[in-house]
Amino acid sequence: VPPPLPSWGLMIAEAKDYMFFSPWVIMIPGVALFVL
């Protein structure tokens, strides 16, 4: 899905650079995808 559409996969991709300093930005869409 092209940005800026908020696909969960795109949200995870955009958050990977911040996962060590703000891990919740990659955990929230990841958990949502897992639960769905």
PDB file of all heavy atoms in Angstrom:
ATOM      1  N   VAL A   1       0.848  -1.192   0.000  1.00  0.00           N
ATOM      2  CA  VAL A   1       0.000   0.000   0.000  1.00  0.00           C
ATOM      3  C   VAL A   1       0.880   1.238   0.000  1.00  0.00           C
ATOM      4  O   VAL A   1       1.773   1.368   0.840  1.00  0.00           O
ATOM      5  CB  VAL A   1      -0.927  -0.005   1.230  1.00  0.00           C
ATOM      6  CG1 VAL A   1      -1.724   1.276   1.305  1.00  0.00           C
ATOM      7  CG2 VAL A   1      -1.866  -1.208   1.167  1.00  0.00           C
ATOM      8  N   PRO A   2       0.679   2.160  -0.930  1.00  0.00           N
ATOM      9  CA  PRO A   2       1.554   3.344  -0.996  1.00  0.00           C
ATOM     10  C   PRO A   2       1.284   4.290   0.172  1.00  0.00           C
ATOM     11  O   PRO A   2       0.143   4.475   0.581  1.00  0.00           O
ATOM     12  CB  PRO A   2       1.173   3.991  -2.327  1.00  0.00           C
ATOM     13  CG  PRO A   2      -0.237   3.538  -2.588  1.00  0.00           C
ATOM     14  CD  PRO A   2      -0.340   2.160  -2.002  1.00  0.00           C
ATOM     15  N   PRO A   3       2.354   4.892   0.730  1.00  0.00           N
ATOM     16  CA  PRO A   3       2.154   5.886   1.778  1.00  0.00           C
ATOM     17  C   PRO A   3       1.472   7.126   1.190  1.00  0.00           C
ATOM     18  O   PRO A   3       1.546   7.357  -0.021  1.00  0.00           O
ATOM     19  CB  PRO A   3       3.594   6.198   2.232  1.00  0.00           C
ATOM     20  CG  PRO A   3       4.459   5.790   1.080  1.00  0.00           C
ATOM     21  CD  PRO A   3       3.746   4.666   0.388  1.00  0.00           C
ATOM     22  N   PRO A   4       0.772   7.904   2.018  1.00  0.00           N
ATOM     23  CA  PRO A   4       0.731   7.848   3.485  1.00  0.00           C
ATOM     24  C   PRO A   4      -0.374   6.973   4.063  1.00  0.00           C
ATOM     25  O   PRO A   4      -0.706   7.114   5.229  1.00  0.00           O
ATOM     26  CB  PRO A   4       0.481   9.312   3.847  1.00  0.00           C
ATOM     27  CG  PRO A   4      -0.411   9.809   2.746  1.00  0.00           C
ATOM     28  CD  PRO A   4       0.077   9.112   1.495  1.00  0.00           C
ATOM     29  N   LEU A   5      -0.991   6.089   3.247  1.00  0.00           N
ATOM     30  CA  LEU A   5      -2.020   5.204   3.787  1.00  0.00           C
ATOM     31  C   LEU A   5      -1.439   4.374   4.929  1.00  0.00           C
ATOM     32  O   LEU A   5      -0.368   3.786   4.779  1.00  0.00           O
ATOM     33  CB  LEU A   5      -2.556   4.284   2.695  1.00  0.00           C
ATOM     34  CG  LEU A   5      -3.400   4.952   1.604  1.00  0.00           C
ATOM     35  CD1 LEU A   5      -3.778   3.930   0.544  1.00  0.00           C
ATOM     36  CD2 LEU A   5      -4.647   5.585   2.197  1.00  0.00           C
ATOM     37  N   PRO A   6      -2.123   4.297   6.062  1.00  0.00           N
ATOM     38  CA  PRO A   6      -1.548   3.641   7.256  1.00  0.00           C
ATOM     39  C   PRO A   6      -1.756   2.137   7.272  1.00  0.00           C
ATOM     40  O   PRO A   6      -2.473   1.591   8.113  1.00  0.00           O
ATOM     41  CB  PRO A   6      -2.296   4.319   8.405  1.00  0.00           C
ATOM     42  CG  PRO A   6      -3.620   4.680   7.819  1.00  0.00           C
ATOM     43  CD  PRO A   6      -3.382   4.993   6.370  1.00  0.00           C
ATOM     44  N   SER A   7      -1.149   1.427   6.347  1.00  0.00           N
ATOM     45  CA  SER A   7      -1.157  -0.034   6.412  1.00  0.00           C
ATOM     46  C   SER A   7      -0.336  -0.484   7.612  1.00  0.00           C
ATOM     47  O   SER A   7       0.681   0.120   7.944  1.00  0.00           O
ATOM     48  CB  SER A   7      -0.574  -0.611   5.120  1.00  0.00           C
ATOM     49  OG  SER A   7      -0.170  -1.945   5.296  1.00  0.00           O
ATOM     50  N   TRP A   8      -0.765  -1.571   8.255  1.00  0.00           N
ATOM     51  CA  TRP A   8      -0.019  -2.064   9.420  1.00  0.00           C
ATOM     52  C   TRP A   8       1.376  -2.501   9.026  1.00  0.00           C
ATOM     53  O   TRP A   8       2.329  -2.287   9.774  1.00  0.00           O
ATOM     54  CB  TRP A   8      -0.790  -3.220  10.064  1.00  0.00           C
ATOM     55  CG  TRP A   8      -2.003  -2.752  10.804  1.00  0.00           C
ATOM     56  CD1 TRP A   8      -2.311  -1.468  11.138  1.00  0.00           C
ATOM     57  CD2 TRP A   8      -3.069  -3.563  11.312  1.00  0.00           C
ATOM     58  NE1 TRP A   8      -3.511  -1.414  11.805  1.00  0.00           N
ATOM     59  CE2 TRP A   8      -4.003  -2.684  11.928  1.00  0.00           C
ATOM     60  CE3 TRP A   8      -3.339  -4.918  11.298  1.00  0.00           C
ATOM     61  CZ2 TRP A   8      -5.159  -3.142  12.527  1.00  0.00           C
ATOM     62  CZ3 TRP A   8      -4.497  -5.377  11.896  1.00  0.00           C
ATOM     63  CH2 TRP A   8      -5.396  -4.502  12.504  1.00  0.00           C
ATOM     64  N   GLY A   9       1.530  -3.114   7.858  1.00  0.00           N
ATOM     65  CA  GLY A   9       2.865  -3.483   7.399  1.00  0.00           C
ATOM     66  C   GLY A   9       3.736  -2.267   7.163  1.00  0.00           C
ATOM     67  O   GLY A   9       4.932  -2.253   7.503  1.00  0.00           O
ATOM     68  N   LEU A  10       3.159  -1.209   6.608  1.00  0.00           N
ATOM     69  CA  LEU A  10       3.906   0.022   6.378  1.00  0.00           C
ATOM     70  C   LEU A  10       4.252   0.697   7.700  1.00  0.00           C
ATOM     71  O   LEU A  10       5.349   1.259   7.857  1.00  0.00           O
ATOM     72  CB  LEU A  10       3.096   0.970   5.501  1.00  0.00           C
ATOM     73  CG  LEU A  10       3.772   2.278   5.097  1.00  0.00           C
ATOM     74  CD1 LEU A  10       5.054   2.015   4.333  1.00  0.00           C
ATOM     75  CD2 LEU A  10       2.819   3.140   4.276  1.00  0.00           C
ATOM     76  N   MET A  11       3.344   0.637   8.674  1.00  0.00           N
ATOM     77  CA  MET A  11       3.630   1.205   9.994  1.00  0.00           C
ATOM     78  C   MET A  11       4.810   0.484  10.646  1.00  0.00           C
ATOM     79  O   MET A  11       5.668   1.113  11.270  1.00  0.00           O
ATOM     80  CB  MET A  11       2.383   1.115  10.884  1.00  0.00           C
ATOM     81  CG  MET A  11       1.239   2.025  10.452  1.00  0.00           C
ATOM     82  SD  MET A  11      -0.297   1.729  11.372  1.00  0.00           S
ATOM     83  CE  MET A  11       0.184   2.283  13.003  1.00  0.00           C
ATOM     84  N   ILE A  12       4.859  -0.836  10.487  1.00  0.00           N
ATOM     85  CA  ILE A  12       5.990  -1.592  11.036  1.00  0.00           C
ATOM     86  C   ILE A  12       7.279  -1.214  10.323  1.00  0.00           C
ATOM     87  O   ILE A  12       8.336  -1.057  10.953  1.00  0.00           O
ATOM     88  CB  ILE A  12       5.710  -3.102  10.915  1.00  0.00           C
ATOM     89  CG1 ILE A  12       4.517  -3.497  11.798  1.00  0.00           C
ATOM     90  CG2 ILE A  12       6.935  -3.917  11.303  1.00  0.00           C
ATOM     91  CD1 ILE A  12       4.071  -4.939  11.623  1.00  0.00           C
ATOM     92  N   ALA A  13       7.206  -1.058   8.996  1.00  0.00           N
ATOM     93  CA  ALA A  13       8.399  -0.691   8.230  1.00  0.00           C
ATOM     94  C   ALA A  13       8.910   0.686   8.632  1.00  0.00           C
ATOM     95  O   ALA A  13      10.129   0.899   8.774  1.00  0.00           O
ATOM     96  CB  ALA A  13       8.089  -0.732   6.736  1.00  0.00           C
ATOM     97  N   GLU A  14       8.009   1.636   8.815  1.00  0.00           N
ATOM     98  CA  GLU A  14       8.411   2.987   9.187  1.00  0.00           C
ATOM     99  C   GLU A  14       8.957   3.045  10.611  1.00  0.00           C
ATOM    100  O   GLU A  14       9.748   3.933  10.936  1.00  0.00           O
ATOM    101  CB  GLU A  14       7.222   3.949   9.055  1.00  0.00           C
ATOM    102  CG  GLU A  14       6.757   4.168   7.627  1.00  0.00           C
ATOM    103  CD  GLU A  14       5.505   5.023   7.543  1.00  0.00           C
ATOM    104  OE1 GLU A  14       4.801   5.144   8.565  1.00  0.00           O
ATOM    105  OE2 GLU A  14       5.214   5.550   6.458  1.00  0.00           O
ATOM    106  N   ALA A  15       8.544   2.091  11.451  1.00  0.00           N
ATOM    107  CA  ALA A  15       8.952   2.121  12.856  1.00  0.00           C
ATOM    108  C   ALA A  15      10.233   1.359  13.131  1.00  0.00           C
ATOM    109  O   ALA A  15      10.772   1.446  14.238  1.00  0.00           O
ATOM    110  CB  ALA A  15       7.824   1.548  13.724  1.00  0.00           C
ATOM    111  N   LYS A  16      10.750   0.621  12.155  1.00  0.00           N
ATOM    112  CA  LYS A  16      11.905  -0.246  12.432  1.00  0.00           C
ATOM    113  C   LYS A  16      13.147   0.561  12.813  1.00  0.00           C
ATOM    114  O   LYS A  16      14.022   0.055  13.530  1.00  0.00           O
ATOM    115  CB  LYS A  16      12.191  -1.138  11.241  1.00  0.00           C
ATOM    116  CG  LYS A  16      12.656  -0.463   9.987  1.00  0.00           C
ATOM    117  CD  LYS A  16      12.904  -1.483   8.882  1.00  0.00           C
ATOM    118  CE  LYS A  16      13.460  -0.852   7.609  1.00  0.00           C
ATOM    119  NZ  LYS A  16      12.480   0.088   7.005  1.00  0.00           N
ATOM    120  N   ASP A  17      13.253   1.805  12.358  1.00  0.00           N
ATOM    121  CA  ASP A  17      14.414   2.632  12.712  1.00  0.00           C
ATOM    122  C   ASP A  17      14.346   3.156  14.144  1.00  0.00           C
ATOM    123  O   ASP A  17      15.343   3.663  14.663  1.00  0.00           O
ATOM    124  CB  ASP A  17      14.531   3.823  11.757  1.00  0.00           C
ATOM    125  CG  ASP A  17      14.834   3.394  10.329  1.00  0.00           C
ATOM    126  OD1 ASP A  17      15.450   2.319  10.163  1.00  0.00           O
ATOM    127  OD2 ASP A  17      14.444   4.109   9.388  1.00  0.00           O
ATOM    128  N   TYR A  18      13.188   3.019  14.782  1.00  0.00           N
ATOM    129  CA  TYR A  18      12.999   3.553  16.134  1.00  0.00           C
ATOM    130  C   TYR A  18      12.720   2.451  17.150  1.00  0.00           C
ATOM    131  O   TYR A  18      12.379   2.744  18.299  1.00  0.00           O
ATOM    132  CB  TYR A  18      11.826   4.551  16.146  1.00  0.00           C
ATOM    133  CG  TYR A  18      11.969   5.657  15.130  1.00  0.00           C
ATOM    134  CD1 TYR A  18      11.447   5.523  13.848  1.00  0.00           C
ATOM    135  CD2 TYR A  18      12.632   6.836  15.441  1.00  0.00           C
ATOM    136  CE1 TYR A  18      11.579   6.535  12.901  1.00  0.00           C
ATOM    137  CE2 TYR A  18      12.765   7.860  14.505  1.00  0.00           C
ATOM    138  CZ  TYR A  18      12.236   7.695  13.243  1.00  0.00           C
ATOM    139  OH  TYR A  18      12.378   8.713  12.315  1.00  0.00           O
ATOM    140  N   MET A  19      12.840   1.194  16.739  1.00  0.00           N
ATOM    141  CA  MET A  19      12.417   0.088  17.589  1.00  0.00           C
ATOM    142  C   MET A  19      13.260  -0.042  18.862  1.00  0.00           C
ATOM    143  O   MET A  19      12.778  -0.563  19.862  1.00  0.00           O
ATOM    144  CB  MET A  19      12.447  -1.221  16.805  1.00  0.00           C
ATOM    145  CG  MET A  19      13.807  -1.616  16.270  1.00  0.00           C
ATOM    146  SD  MET A  19      13.747  -3.134  15.260  1.00  0.00           S
ATOM    147  CE  MET A  19      13.167  -4.303  16.483  1.00  0.00           C
ATOM    148  N   PHE A  20      14.515   0.409  18.865  1.00  0.00           N
ATOM    149  CA  PHE A  20      15.351   0.287  20.052  1.00  0.00           C
ATOM    150  C   PHE A  20      15.135   1.441  21.029  1.00  0.00           C
ATOM    151  O   PHE A  20      15.377   1.294  22.233  1.00  0.00           O
ATOM    152  CB  PHE A  20      16.827   0.226  19.653  1.00  0.00           C
ATOM    153  CG  PHE A  20      17.173  -0.990  18.850  1.00  0.00           C
ATOM    154  CD1 PHE A  20      17.477  -0.894  17.502  1.00  0.00           C
ATOM    155  CD2 PHE A  20      17.177  -2.254  19.433  1.00  0.00           C
ATOM    156  CE1 PHE A  20      17.789  -2.018  16.756  1.00  0.00           C
ATOM    157  CE2 PHE A  20      17.489  -3.378  18.690  1.00  0.00           C
ATOM    158  CZ  PHE A  20      17.799  -3.256  17.351  1.00  0.00           C
ATOM    159  N   PHE A  21      14.659   2.566  20.530  1.00  0.00           N
ATOM    160  CA  PHE A  21      14.450   3.733  21.395  1.00  0.00           C
ATOM    161  C   PHE A  21      12.974   3.918  21.749  1.00  0.00           C
ATOM    162  O   PHE A  21      12.651   4.389  22.835  1.00  0.00           O
ATOM    163  CB  PHE A  21      14.976   4.996  20.694  1.00  0.00           C
ATOM    164  CG  PHE A  21      16.393   4.868  20.217  1.00  0.00           C
ATOM    165  CD1 PHE A  21      16.673   4.590  18.893  1.00  0.00           C
ATOM    166  CD2 PHE A  21      17.457   4.985  21.104  1.00  0.00           C
ATOM    167  CE1 PHE A  21      17.976   4.454  18.441  1.00  0.00           C
ATOM    168  CE2 PHE A  21      18.764   4.855  20.671  1.00  0.00           C
ATOM    169  CZ  PHE A  21      19.031   4.586  19.339  1.00  0.00           C
ATOM    170  N   SER A  22      12.088   3.553  20.837  1.00  0.00           N
ATOM    171  CA  SER A  22      10.645   3.626  21.078  1.00  0.00           C
ATOM    172  C   SER A  22      10.013   2.321  20.592  1.00  0.00           C
ATOM    173  O   SER A  22       9.375   2.276  19.536  1.00  0.00           O
ATOM    174  CB  SER A  22      10.035   4.824  20.339  1.00  0.00           C
ATOM    175  OG  SER A  22      10.653   6.034  20.720  1.00  0.00           O
ATOM    176  N   PRO A  23      10.223   1.237  21.322  1.00  0.00           N
ATOM    177  CA  PRO A  23       9.794  -0.082  20.826  1.00  0.00           C
ATOM    178  C   PRO A  23       8.300  -0.204  20.615  1.00  0.00           C
ATOM    179  O   PRO A  23       7.863  -1.041  19.828  1.00  0.00           O
ATOM    180  CB  PRO A  23      10.288  -1.044  21.920  1.00  0.00           C
ATOM    181  CG  PRO A  23      10.453  -0.202  23.136  1.00  0.00           C
ATOM    182  CD  PRO A  23      10.851   1.157  22.654  1.00  0.00           C
ATOM    183  N   TRP A  24       7.514   0.605  21.268  1.00  0.00           N
ATOM    184  CA  TRP A  24       6.061   0.484  21.140  1.00  0.00           C
ATOM    185  C   TRP A  24       5.574   0.844  19.732  1.00  0.00           C
ATOM    186  O   TRP A  24       4.495   0.407  19.312  1.00  0.00           O
ATOM    187  CB  TRP A  24       5.369   1.371  22.169  1.00  0.00           C
ATOM    188  CG  TRP A  24       5.869   2.788  22.204  1.00  0.00           C
ATOM    189  CD1 TRP A  24       6.859   3.285  22.989  1.00  0.00           C
ATOM    190  CD2 TRP A  24       5.424   3.871  21.393  1.00  0.00           C
ATOM    191  NE1 TRP A  24       7.069   4.609  22.717  1.00  0.00           N
ATOM    192  CE2 TRP A  24       6.194   5.001  21.752  1.00  0.00           C
ATOM    193  CE3 TRP A  24       4.441   4.002  20.422  1.00  0.00           C
ATOM    194  CZ2 TRP A  24       6.021   6.234  21.158  1.00  0.00           C
ATOM    195  CZ3 TRP A  24       4.267   5.235  19.823  1.00  0.00           C
ATOM    196  CH2 TRP A  24       5.046   6.334  20.190  1.00  0.00           C
ATOM    197  N   VAL A  25       6.364   1.637  18.968  1.00  0.00           N
ATOM    198  CA  VAL A  25       5.905   2.022  17.633  1.00  0.00           C
ATOM    199  C   VAL A  25       5.884   0.829  16.672  1.00  0.00           C
ATOM    200  O   VAL A  25       5.146   0.835  15.685  1.00  0.00           O
ATOM    201  CB  VAL A  25       6.789   3.156  17.051  1.00  0.00           C
ATOM    202  CG1 VAL A  25       6.638   4.425  17.852  1.00  0.00           C
ATOM    203  CG2 VAL A  25       8.241   2.739  16.952  1.00  0.00           C
ATOM    204  N   ILE A  26       6.676  -0.180  16.966  1.00  0.00           N
ATOM    205  CA  ILE A  26       6.650  -1.383  16.138  1.00  0.00           C
ATOM    206  C   ILE A  26       5.842  -2.502  16.797  1.00  0.00           C
ATOM    207  O   ILE A  26       5.296  -3.372  16.121  1.00  0.00           O
ATOM    208  CB  ILE A  26       8.095  -1.858  15.839  1.00  0.00           C
ATOM    209  CG1 ILE A  26       8.118  -2.791  14.630  1.00  0.00           C
ATOM    210  CG2 ILE A  26       8.711  -2.563  17.046  1.00  0.00           C
ATOM    211  CD1 ILE A  26       9.524  -3.101  14.137  1.00  0.00           C
ATOM    212  N   MET A  27       5.706  -2.453  18.116  1.00  0.00           N
ATOM    213  CA  MET A  27       4.946  -3.485  18.820  1.00  0.00           C
ATOM    214  C   MET A  27       3.446  -3.334  18.598  1.00  0.00           C
ATOM    215  O   MET A  27       2.742  -4.332  18.424  1.00  0.00           O
ATOM    216  CB  MET A  27       5.262  -3.439  20.314  1.00  0.00           C
ATOM    217  CG  MET A  27       6.664  -3.895  20.675  1.00  0.00           C
ATOM    218  SD  MET A  27       7.015  -3.647  22.435  1.00  0.00           S
ATOM    219  CE  MET A  27       5.677  -4.578  23.176  1.00  0.00           C
ATOM    220  N   ILE A  28       2.934  -2.102  18.586  1.00  0.00           N
ATOM    221  CA  ILE A  28       1.484  -1.897  18.487  1.00  0.00           C
ATOM    222  C   ILE A  28       0.929  -2.421  17.169  1.00  0.00           C
ATOM    223  O   ILE A  28      -0.006  -3.246  17.179  1.00  0.00           O
ATOM    224  CB  ILE A  28       1.145  -0.410  18.711  1.00  0.00           C
ATOM    225  CG1 ILE A  28       1.398  -0.025  20.167  1.00  0.00           C
ATOM    226  CG2 ILE A  28      -0.310  -0.126  18.329  1.00  0.00           C
ATOM    227  CD1 ILE A  28       1.192   1.447  20.467  1.00  0.00           C
ATOM    228  N   PRO A  29       1.441  -2.014  16.005  1.00  0.00           N
ATOM    229  CA  PRO A  29       0.894  -2.591  14.768  1.00  0.00           C
ATOM    230  C   PRO A  29       1.216  -4.073  14.617  1.00  0.00           C
ATOM    231  O   PRO A  29       0.430  -4.824  14.032  1.00  0.00           O
ATOM    232  CB  PRO A  29       1.553  -1.753  13.666  1.00  0.00           C
ATOM    233  CG  PRO A  29       2.783  -1.190  14.288  1.00  0.00           C
ATOM    234  CD  PRO A  29       2.446  -0.974  15.723  1.00  0.00           C
ATOM    235  N   GLY A  30       2.363  -4.520  15.158  1.00  0.00           N
ATOM    236  CA  GLY A  30       2.692  -5.939  15.088  1.00  0.00           C
ATOM    237  C   GLY A  30       1.714  -6.787  15.878  1.00  0.00           C
ATOM    238  O   GLY A  30       1.255  -7.831  15.399  1.00  0.00           O
ATOM    239  N   VAL A  31       1.381  -6.354  17.083  1.00  0.00           N
ATOM    240  CA  VAL A  31       0.413  -7.087  17.906  1.00  0.00           C
ATOM    241  C   VAL A  31      -0.972  -7.043  17.266  1.00  0.00           C
ATOM    242  O   VAL A  31      -1.698  -8.046  17.269  1.00  0.00           O
ATOM    243  CB  VAL A  31       0.380  -6.501  19.335  1.00  0.00           C
ATOM    244  CG1 VAL A  31      -0.786  -7.071  20.127  1.00  0.00           C
ATOM    245  CG2 VAL A  31       1.697  -6.781  20.049  1.00  0.00           C
ATOM    246  N   ALA A  32      -1.352  -5.887  16.708  1.00  0.00           N
ATOM    247  CA  ALA A  32      -2.655  -5.780  16.043  1.00  0.00           C
ATOM    248  C   ALA A  32      -2.756  -6.753  14.872  1.00  0.00           C
ATOM    249  O   ALA A  32      -3.781  -7.431  14.695  1.00  0.00           O
ATOM    250  CB  ALA A  32      -2.876  -4.348  15.568  1.00  0.00           C
ATOM    251  N   LEU A  33      -1.699  -6.849  14.080  1.00  0.00           N
ATOM    252  CA  LEU A  33      -1.686  -7.778  12.949  1.00  0.00           C
ATOM    253  C   LEU A  33      -1.775  -9.220  13.436  1.00  0.00           C
ATOM    254  O   LEU A  33      -2.531 -10.032  12.883  1.00  0.00           O
ATOM    255  CB  LEU A  33      -0.415  -7.557  12.132  1.00  0.00           C
ATOM    256  CG  LEU A  33      -0.236  -8.405  10.873  1.00  0.00           C
ATOM    257  CD1 LEU A  33      -1.334  -8.089   9.861  1.00  0.00           C
ATOM    258  CD2 LEU A  33       1.141  -8.155  10.254  1.00  0.00           C
ATOM    259  N   PHE A  34      -1.023  -9.539  14.475  1.00  0.00           N
ATOM    260  CA  PHE A  34      -1.052 -10.891  15.042  1.00  0.00           C
ATOM    261  C   PHE A  34      -2.441 -11.250  15.556  1.00  0.00           C
ATOM    262  O   PHE A  34      -2.960 -12.341  15.282  1.00  0.00           O
ATOM    263  CB  PHE A  34      -0.025 -10.993  16.170  1.00  0.00           C
ATOM    264  CG  PHE A  34      -0.191 -12.198  17.057  1.00  0.00           C
ATOM    265  CD1 PHE A  34       0.195 -13.453  16.635  1.00  0.00           C
ATOM    266  CD2 PHE A  34      -0.768 -12.066  18.311  1.00  0.00           C
ATOM    267  CE1 PHE A  34       0.023 -14.560  17.443  1.00  0.00           C
ATOM    268  CE2 PHE A  34      -0.936 -13.163  19.135  1.00  0.00           C
ATOM    269  CZ  PHE A  34      -0.547 -14.417  18.701  1.00  0.00           C
ATOM    270  N   VAL A  35      -3.063 -10.343  16.296  1.00  0.00           N
ATOM    271  CA  VAL A  35      -4.375 -10.622  16.881  1.00  0.00           C
ATOM    272  C   VAL A  35      -5.431 -10.796  15.796  1.00  0.00           C
ATOM    273  O   VAL A  35      -6.272 -11.707  15.869  1.00  0.00           O
ATOM    274  CB  VAL A  35      -4.771  -9.495  17.855  1.00  0.00           C
ATOM    275  CG1 VAL A  35      -6.228  -9.641  18.301  1.00  0.00           C
ATOM    276  CG2 VAL A  35      -3.856  -9.495  19.069  1.00  0.00           C
ATOM    277  N   LEU A  36      -5.403  -9.945  14.768  1.00  0.00           N
ATOM    278  CA  LEU A  36      -6.401 -10.056  13.709  1.00  0.00           C
ATOM    279  C   LEU A  36      -6.266 -11.384  12.956  1.00  0.00           C
ATOM    280  O   LEU A  36      -7.267 -12.082  12.734  1.00  0.00           O
ATOM    281  CB  LEU A  36      -6.259  -8.886  12.737  1.00  0.00           C
ATOM    282  CG  LEU A  36      -7.206  -8.905  11.529  1.00  0.00           C
ATOM    283  CD1 LEU A  36      -8.662  -8.972  11.972  1.00  0.00           C
ATOM    284  CD2 LEU A  36      -6.971  -7.697  10.632  1.00  0.00           C
TER     285      LEU A  36
END
